[in-house]
Structures are given as C-alpha cells and as structure tokens.
C-alpha cells in the first residue's frame, strides 16, 4: 500500500491538490492500494501531556496509524514550506505514531518527499529536515526529493496542476519509488 500524506493542517491548503494529483498518477502506474491522508481533515486530539504513553494515545490517532501508516510499505510526503521548514503538525503526527508499534509504522519503509512552496526553493530545507527525522525512524528516503516552487504558476484557478514539465517529474519520482 502507498500512503500519500498532505503534511499540513491548514484549511484550504494547496498541498492537498498536489497530494490528490500524486494519488491519481500512482493509480495509473500501479495496482497497489493508494490512500491519501490529509492532516487537515484529521482530528487533532493527540497533543496532550500524556501523548507519549501508549495507554493514553487518542483513539483517533490509533485509527489513523492502523489505517494509513502500519499497512503502507511506501509513503509520499507532501510538505509545504512553513518558516523555512516543514509543518509542526507533521512532526507531531510522526512523534505521536512513534509511541505505538514503532517498527511496524516506520522501519524499512520507503518514502518520497515533495516540497511545496510559493517561493523559489521548493522547501529544500524542510525536505532535508524531514529526511533526518525519517532516517532516525528507520525509513528509507528516496534520494530524488522533488522541490516544487512557485506553485501558483503551475496550477490553474481550480487548483489543478497543469504544468507538463512538473507533471513529468512527479511521475518520474513515483516511478523511482515504485522501483524500490
């Protein structure tokens, strides 16, 4: 299974448009199950002082981990640039998931990273930061990290990615992830 994570909880984020496009492309390239996890739509009741006690984990987090994280063998993380890094909600989500079934959630799984930005750098620093976190968790990160910058120049008014060169590099990245 492939889980595509839209790594922000910001309502109406452009990140989800990219996550959905990645899912669409993946479904044309593989018969594997493809799921999209939008942190925008997730309940956020996992952040509390006892979150690092397995017995105190919120049922909503356990459900997300059981549906999207544990069964997946590959991930695509789409991460918008927030203050020169990746969104804190994604770090919180990964931290919370590390409390229960750590190995089944992270060890030996493969991940592709996509940085999303309105500026020029495509969240290069955020992808480097997330690479360090995922490597620490035991996840193998695809070397071909894709920085997508100036996103409003490659999307139409409906939020569809219409830039052909961008769509081609997205497909190439997916091909590489599927080959792992």
Protein backbone atom coordinates (compact mmCIF):
# COMPACT_ATOMS: atom_id res chain seq x y z
CA UNK A 1 0.00 0.00 0.00
CA UNK A 2 1.09 3.56 -0.71
CA UNK A 3 0.08 6.33 1.69
CA UNK A 4 0.27 9.89 0.45
CA UNK A 5 0.40 12.40 3.29
CA UNK A 6 -0.66 16.00 2.84
CA UNK A 7 1.54 17.32 5.64
CA UNK A 8 -0.34 20.37 6.90
CA UNK A 9 -3.45 21.02 8.94
CA UNK A 10 -4.04 24.41 7.33
CA UNK A 11 -7.57 24.57 5.96
CA UNK A 12 -7.72 25.06 2.20
CA UNK A 13 -4.02 24.38 1.71
CA UNK A 14 -2.71 23.91 -1.82
CA UNK A 15 -0.78 20.89 -0.54
CA UNK A 16 -3.87 18.69 -0.77
CA UNK A 17 -4.21 19.47 -4.50
CA UNK A 18 -0.73 18.03 -5.02
CA UNK A 19 -1.47 15.01 -2.81
CA UNK A 20 -4.56 14.21 -4.86
CA UNK A 21 -2.62 14.57 -8.12
CA UNK A 22 0.08 12.22 -6.79
CA UNK A 23 -2.65 9.70 -5.92
CA UNK A 24 -4.14 10.00 -9.39
CA UNK A 25 -0.77 9.39 -11.04
CA UNK A 26 0.05 6.50 -8.69
CA UNK A 27 -3.22 4.78 -9.51
CA UNK A 28 -2.34 4.82 -13.22
CA UNK A 29 1.10 3.28 -12.55
CA UNK A 30 0.33 0.54 -10.03
CA UNK A 31 -2.40 -1.81 -8.87
CA UNK A 32 -1.36 -1.24 -5.26
CA UNK A 33 -3.85 0.40 -2.96
CA UNK A 34 -3.24 4.16 -2.73
CA UNK A 35 -4.62 6.23 0.15
CA UNK A 36 -4.41 9.95 0.85
CA UNK A 37 -4.09 11.12 4.45
CA UNK A 38 -4.85 14.80 4.83
CA UNK A 39 -3.70 16.13 8.19
CA UNK A 40 -6.12 18.98 7.51
CA UNK A 41 -9.02 16.58 7.97
CA UNK A 42 -7.61 14.64 10.92
CA UNK A 43 -8.81 15.13 14.48
CA UNK A 44 -6.08 16.82 16.47
CA UNK A 45 -6.75 15.43 19.91
CA UNK A 46 -3.36 13.73 20.17
CA UNK A 47 -1.44 16.70 21.56
CA UNK A 48 -1.59 16.46 25.35
CA UNK A 49 0.94 15.98 28.16
CA UNK A 50 0.49 12.18 28.23
CA UNK A 51 0.76 11.64 24.46
CA UNK A 52 3.97 9.62 24.90
CA UNK A 53 2.22 6.93 26.94
CA UNK A 54 0.79 4.20 24.72
CA UNK A 55 -2.14 3.74 27.09
CA UNK A 56 -3.03 7.42 26.72
CA UNK A 57 -2.99 7.60 22.90
CA UNK A 58 -6.12 9.10 21.42
CA UNK A 59 -8.41 6.69 19.57
CA UNK A 60 -8.34 8.99 16.52
CA UNK A 61 -4.56 8.69 16.26
CA UNK A 62 -4.66 4.91 16.69
CA UNK A 63 -7.22 4.73 13.87
CA UNK A 64 -5.01 6.84 11.56
CA UNK A 65 -1.94 4.78 12.38
CA UNK A 66 -3.81 1.50 11.80
CA UNK A 67 -5.37 2.62 8.50
CA UNK A 68 -2.65 4.70 6.86
CA UNK A 69 0.73 4.05 8.46
CA UNK A 70 1.11 0.42 9.51
CA UNK A 71 -0.24 -1.23 6.31
CA UNK A 72 1.77 1.04 3.99
CA UNK A 73 5.14 -0.02 2.66
CA UNK A 74 5.68 3.26 0.77
CA UNK A 75 4.89 6.86 1.58
CA UNK A 76 4.83 10.11 -0.32
CA UNK A 77 5.10 13.11 1.99
CA UNK A 78 3.96 16.43 0.56
CA UNK A 79 5.24 19.20 2.76
CA UNK A 80 4.58 22.88 2.32
CA UNK A 81 7.24 25.30 3.47
CA UNK A 82 6.47 26.81 6.87
CA UNK A 83 9.06 29.20 8.28
CA UNK A 84 11.90 27.57 6.38
CA UNK A 85 10.96 24.04 7.44
CA UNK A 86 8.11 21.57 7.42
CA UNK A 87 4.82 21.95 9.32
CA UNK A 88 4.88 21.22 13.03
CA UNK A 89 1.70 19.16 12.78
CA UNK A 90 3.56 16.61 10.64
CA UNK A 91 6.36 16.36 13.22
CA UNK A 92 3.75 16.00 15.97
CA UNK A 93 2.00 13.27 13.97
CA UNK A 94 5.25 11.33 13.46
CA UNK A 95 6.18 11.74 17.14
CA UNK A 96 2.76 10.50 18.23
CA UNK A 97 2.89 7.49 15.88
CA UNK A 98 6.31 6.52 17.27
CA UNK A 99 4.77 5.66 20.65
CA UNK A 100 2.92 2.55 19.47
CA UNK A 101 4.11 -0.13 17.03
CA UNK A 102 7.23 1.83 16.10
CA UNK A 103 8.80 -0.83 13.87
CA UNK A 104 5.55 -1.67 12.06
CA UNK A 105 4.96 2.02 11.40
CA UNK A 106 8.40 3.13 10.18
CA UNK A 107 11.19 0.54 9.96
CA UNK A 108 12.41 -0.31 6.47
CA UNK A 109 9.60 1.51 4.70
CA UNK A 110 10.29 3.74 1.70
CA UNK A 111 9.41 7.42 1.37
CA UNK A 112 9.45 10.04 -1.35
CA UNK A 113 9.50 13.70 -0.33
CA UNK A 114 7.89 16.59 -2.17
CA UNK A 115 8.41 20.17 -1.07
CA UNK A 116 5.69 22.67 -1.95
CA UNK A 117 6.35 26.41 -1.91
CA UNK A 118 5.11 29.64 -3.37
CA UNK A 119 8.70 30.91 -3.41
CA UNK A 120 11.79 29.76 -5.28
CA UNK A 121 13.32 26.98 -3.21
CA UNK A 122 10.51 24.40 -3.12
CA UNK A 123 11.07 23.76 0.61
CA UNK A 124 14.55 22.28 0.23
CA UNK A 125 15.37 22.89 3.90
CA UNK A 126 12.11 21.32 5.05
CA UNK A 127 12.80 18.21 2.99
CA UNK A 128 16.30 17.96 4.49
CA UNK A 129 14.84 18.29 8.00
CA UNK A 130 12.16 15.66 7.32
CA UNK A 131 14.79 13.34 5.81
CA UNK A 132 16.71 13.45 9.09
CA UNK A 133 13.58 12.64 11.10
CA UNK A 134 12.53 9.79 8.81
CA UNK A 135 16.04 8.32 8.71
CA UNK A 136 16.10 8.36 12.51
CA UNK A 137 12.78 6.46 12.49
CA UNK A 138 14.27 3.82 10.17
CA UNK A 139 12.52 4.92 6.98
CA UNK A 140 14.47 4.84 3.71
CA UNK A 141 14.12 8.17 1.90
CA UNK A 142 14.32 8.27 -1.88
CA UNK A 143 17.32 10.43 -2.89
CA UNK A 144 15.26 12.15 -5.59
CA UNK A 145 13.49 14.75 -3.45
CA UNK A 146 11.25 16.97 -5.52
CA UNK A 147 11.14 20.70 -4.74
CA UNK A 148 8.10 22.26 -6.39
CA UNK A 149 8.35 26.03 -6.29
CA UNK A 150 6.18 28.92 -7.46
CA UNK A 151 3.17 26.64 -7.27
CA UNK A 152 0.69 29.28 -8.42
CA UNK A 153 2.45 29.44 -11.79
CA UNK A 154 1.90 25.72 -12.43
CA UNK A 155 -1.74 25.48 -11.29
CA UNK A 156 -4.95 26.71 -12.84
CA UNK A 157 -7.65 28.56 -10.89
CA UNK A 158 -9.32 25.27 -9.93
CA UNK A 159 -6.15 24.08 -8.19
CA UNK A 160 -5.21 21.56 -10.88
CA UNK A 161 -1.55 21.07 -11.69
CA UNK A 162 -1.35 21.80 -15.41
CA UNK A 163 2.36 22.38 -16.00
CA UNK A 164 3.57 19.47 -18.18
CA UNK A 165 7.25 19.50 -17.02
CA UNK A 166 6.10 19.40 -13.37
CA UNK A 167 3.73 16.52 -14.07
CA UNK A 168 6.58 14.63 -15.79
CA UNK A 169 8.96 14.99 -12.83
CA UNK A 170 6.18 13.96 -10.46
CA UNK A 171 5.64 10.78 -12.49
CA UNK A 172 9.39 10.10 -12.63
CA UNK A 173 9.61 10.36 -8.86
CA UNK A 174 6.70 7.93 -8.46
CA UNK A 175 8.36 5.52 -10.92
CA UNK A 176 11.51 5.58 -8.77
CA UNK A 177 9.54 4.98 -5.58
CA UNK A 178 7.70 2.04 -7.15
CA UNK A 179 11.01 0.53 -8.28
CA UNK A 180 12.32 0.35 -4.67
